[in-house]
Amino acid sequence: MSSWVKVSDRLPPFNEAVWVYDEVTIWVGALCIYDGEANWGTSQGNFWWNAKENRWKGDFHTHSCYNPTHWAPLITPPSKYPSADRVYP
């Protein structure tokens, strides 16, 4: 399992959905480019796993007031066939 990464140490790739933490709240968000500036965005609950496309989907609402201290990658949900998710040594 991935651990939290300090924003001051490293940023996630742009437009990649991640967990975001600001010492008060945890949300699904992303670091986005909007009007030529990098801003954090929030999904405002409008985010989901699209099993057909095998990826997270949704829209982000950016604002300069979002100021997270940490982020962590989202996990990939289990597949329809759990045995395919096993990792064998």
C-alpha atoms as a PDB file:
ATOM      1  CA  MET A   1       0.000   0.000   0.000  1.00  0.00           C
ATOM      2  CA  SER A   2       1.252   3.454  -0.842  1.00  0.00           C
ATOM      3  CA  SER A   3       1.941   5.986   1.850  1.00  0.00           C
ATOM      4  CA  TRP A   4       1.234   9.702   1.963  1.00  0.00           C
ATOM      5  CA  VAL A   5       3.662  11.981   0.117  1.00  0.00           C
ATOM      6  CA  LYS A   6       4.424  15.508   1.310  1.00  0.00           C
ATOM      7  CA  VAL A   7       3.523  18.106  -1.321  1.00  0.00           C
ATOM      8  CA  SER A   8       6.794  19.868  -0.462  1.00  0.00           C
ATOM      9  CA  ASP A   9       8.720  16.679  -1.361  1.00  0.00           C
ATOM     10  CA  ARG A  10       7.003  15.704  -4.604  1.00  0.00           C
ATOM     11  CA  LEU A  11       3.899  16.511  -6.632  1.00  0.00           C
ATOM     12  CA  PRO A  12       1.673  13.963  -8.397  1.00  0.00           C
ATOM     13  CA  PRO A  13       1.424  13.970 -12.202  1.00  0.00           C
ATOM     14  CA  PHE A  14      -0.948  16.639 -13.509  1.00  0.00           C
ATOM     15  CA  ASN A  15      -4.613  15.621 -13.862  1.00  0.00           C
ATOM     16  CA  GLU A  16      -4.083  12.309 -12.057  1.00  0.00           C
ATOM     17  CA  ALA A  17      -6.703  11.509  -9.426  1.00  0.00           C
ATOM     18  CA  VAL A  18      -5.154  11.161  -5.962  1.00  0.00           C
ATOM     19  CA  TRP A  19      -6.171  11.330  -2.322  1.00  0.00           C
ATOM     20  CA  VAL A  20      -5.497  14.837  -1.017  1.00  0.00           C
ATOM     21  CA  TYR A  21      -5.075  15.890   2.621  1.00  0.00           C
ATOM     22  CA  ASP A  22      -4.979  19.412   4.061  1.00  0.00           C
ATOM     23  CA  GLU A  23      -4.764  18.668   7.820  1.00  0.00           C
ATOM     24  CA  VAL A  24      -8.553  19.024   8.109  1.00  0.00           C
ATOM     25  CA  THR A  25     -10.099  17.146   5.181  1.00  0.00           C
ATOM     26  CA  ILE A  26      -9.295  14.227   2.877  1.00  0.00           C
ATOM     27  CA  TRP A  27     -10.766  14.287  -0.631  1.00  0.00           C
ATOM     28  CA  VAL A  28     -10.255  12.950  -4.152  1.00  0.00           C
ATOM     29  CA  GLY A  29      -8.534  15.631  -6.150  1.00  0.00           C
ATOM     30  CA  ALA A  30      -5.833  16.382  -8.689  1.00  0.00           C
ATOM     31  CA  LEU A  31      -3.176  18.925  -9.495  1.00  0.00           C
ATOM     32  CA  CYS A  32      -4.506  20.648 -12.619  1.00  0.00           C
ATOM     33  CA  ILE A  33      -3.422  23.389 -15.001  1.00  0.00           C
ATOM     34  CA  TYR A  34      -6.122  26.044 -15.290  1.00  0.00           C
ATOM     35  CA  ASP A  35      -5.590  29.340 -17.133  1.00  0.00           C
ATOM     36  CA  GLY A  36      -1.869  28.605 -17.297  1.00  0.00           C
ATOM     37  CA  GLU A  37      -1.504  28.096 -13.543  1.00  0.00           C
ATOM     38  CA  ALA A  38      -1.201  24.941 -11.457  1.00  0.00           C
ATOM     39  CA  ASN A  39      -4.061  24.628  -8.972  1.00  0.00           C
ATOM     40  CA  TRP A  40      -5.381  21.771  -6.888  1.00  0.00           C
ATOM     41  CA  GLY A  41      -8.854  20.595  -7.738  1.00  0.00           C
ATOM     42  CA  THR A  42     -11.562  18.634  -6.018  1.00  0.00           C
ATOM     43  CA  SER A  43     -13.981  16.139  -7.527  1.00  0.00           C
ATOM     44  CA  GLN A  44     -16.750  17.388  -5.203  1.00  0.00           C
ATOM     45  CA  GLY A  45     -18.002  13.813  -4.963  1.00  0.00           C
ATOM     46  CA  ASN A  46     -18.364  13.472  -8.737  1.00  0.00           C
ATOM     47  CA  PHE A  47     -15.745  10.790  -9.315  1.00  0.00           C
ATOM     48  CA  TRP A  48     -16.008   7.084 -10.051  1.00  0.00           C
ATOM     49  CA  TRP A  49     -14.183   3.997 -11.274  1.00  0.00           C
ATOM     50  CA  ASN A  50     -15.134   3.167 -14.874  1.00  0.00           C
ATOM     51  CA  ALA A  51     -14.647  -0.610 -15.057  1.00  0.00           C
ATOM     52  CA  LYS A  52     -15.170  -0.658 -18.824  1.00  0.00           C
ATOM     53  CA  GLU A  53     -12.268   1.763 -19.387  1.00  0.00           C
ATOM     54  CA  ASN A  54     -10.323   0.487 -16.351  1.00  0.00           C
ATOM     55  CA  ARG A  55      -9.684   3.988 -14.997  1.00  0.00           C
ATOM     56  CA  TRP A  56     -10.940   6.696 -12.643  1.00  0.00           C
ATOM     57  CA  LYS A  57     -13.221   9.284 -14.278  1.00  0.00           C
ATOM     58  CA  GLY A  58     -14.704  12.591 -13.274  1.00  0.00           C
ATOM     59  CA  ASP A  59     -14.271  16.331 -13.437  1.00  0.00           C
ATOM     60  CA  PHE A  60     -12.202  18.505 -11.145  1.00  0.00           C
ATOM     61  CA  HIS A  61     -13.140  21.948  -9.882  1.00  0.00           C
ATOM     62  CA  THR A  62      -9.955  23.919  -9.293  1.00  0.00           C
ATOM     63  CA  HIS A  63      -9.392  26.823  -6.955  1.00  0.00           C
ATOM     64  CA  SER A  64      -6.348  28.545  -5.555  1.00  0.00           C
ATOM     65  CA  CYS A  65      -7.732  28.174  -2.007  1.00  0.00           C
ATOM     66  CA  TYR A  66      -7.078  24.397  -1.984  1.00  0.00           C
ATOM     67  CA  ASN A  67      -3.763  24.037  -0.214  1.00  0.00           C
ATOM     68  CA  PRO A  68      -3.041  20.387   0.630  1.00  0.00           C
ATOM     69  CA  THR A  69      -0.027  19.260   2.608  1.00  0.00           C
ATOM     70  CA  HIS A  70      -0.013  15.607   1.445  1.00  0.00           C
ATOM     71  CA  TRP A  71      -1.300  13.367  -1.349  1.00  0.00           C
ATOM     72  CA  ALA A  72      -1.497   9.588  -1.976  1.00  0.00           C
ATOM     73  CA  PRO A  73      -2.298   7.537  -5.092  1.00  0.00           C
ATOM     74  CA  LEU A  74      -5.753   6.000  -5.447  1.00  0.00           C
ATOM     75  CA  ILE A  75      -5.869   2.236  -5.476  1.00  0.00           C
ATOM     76  CA  THR A  76      -7.176   0.186  -8.368  1.00  0.00           C
ATOM     77  CA  PRO A  77     -10.357  -1.688  -7.384  1.00  0.00           C
ATOM     78  CA  PRO A  78     -10.368  -5.486  -7.629  1.00  0.00           C
ATOM     79  CA  SER A  79     -11.304  -6.957 -10.971  1.00  0.00           C
ATOM     80  CA  LYS A  80     -14.420  -8.939 -11.715  1.00  0.00           C
ATOM     81  CA  TYR A  81     -12.223 -12.031 -11.450  1.00  0.00           C
ATOM     82  CA  PRO A  82     -10.404 -11.830  -8.071  1.00  0.00           C
ATOM     83  CA  SER A  83      -7.957 -14.614  -8.910  1.00  0.00           C
ATOM     84  CA  ALA A  84      -6.565 -12.382 -11.663  1.00  0.00           C
ATOM     85  CA  ASP A  85      -5.600  -9.809  -9.014  1.00  0.00           C
ATOM     86  CA  ARG A  86      -3.284 -12.144  -7.133  1.00  0.00           C
ATOM     87  CA  VAL A  87       0.397 -11.558  -7.388  1.00  0.00           C
ATOM     88  CA  TYR A  88       2.419 -14.740  -7.479  1.00  0.00           C
ATOM     89  CA  PRO A  89       6.091 -14.811  -6.505  1.00  0.00           C
END
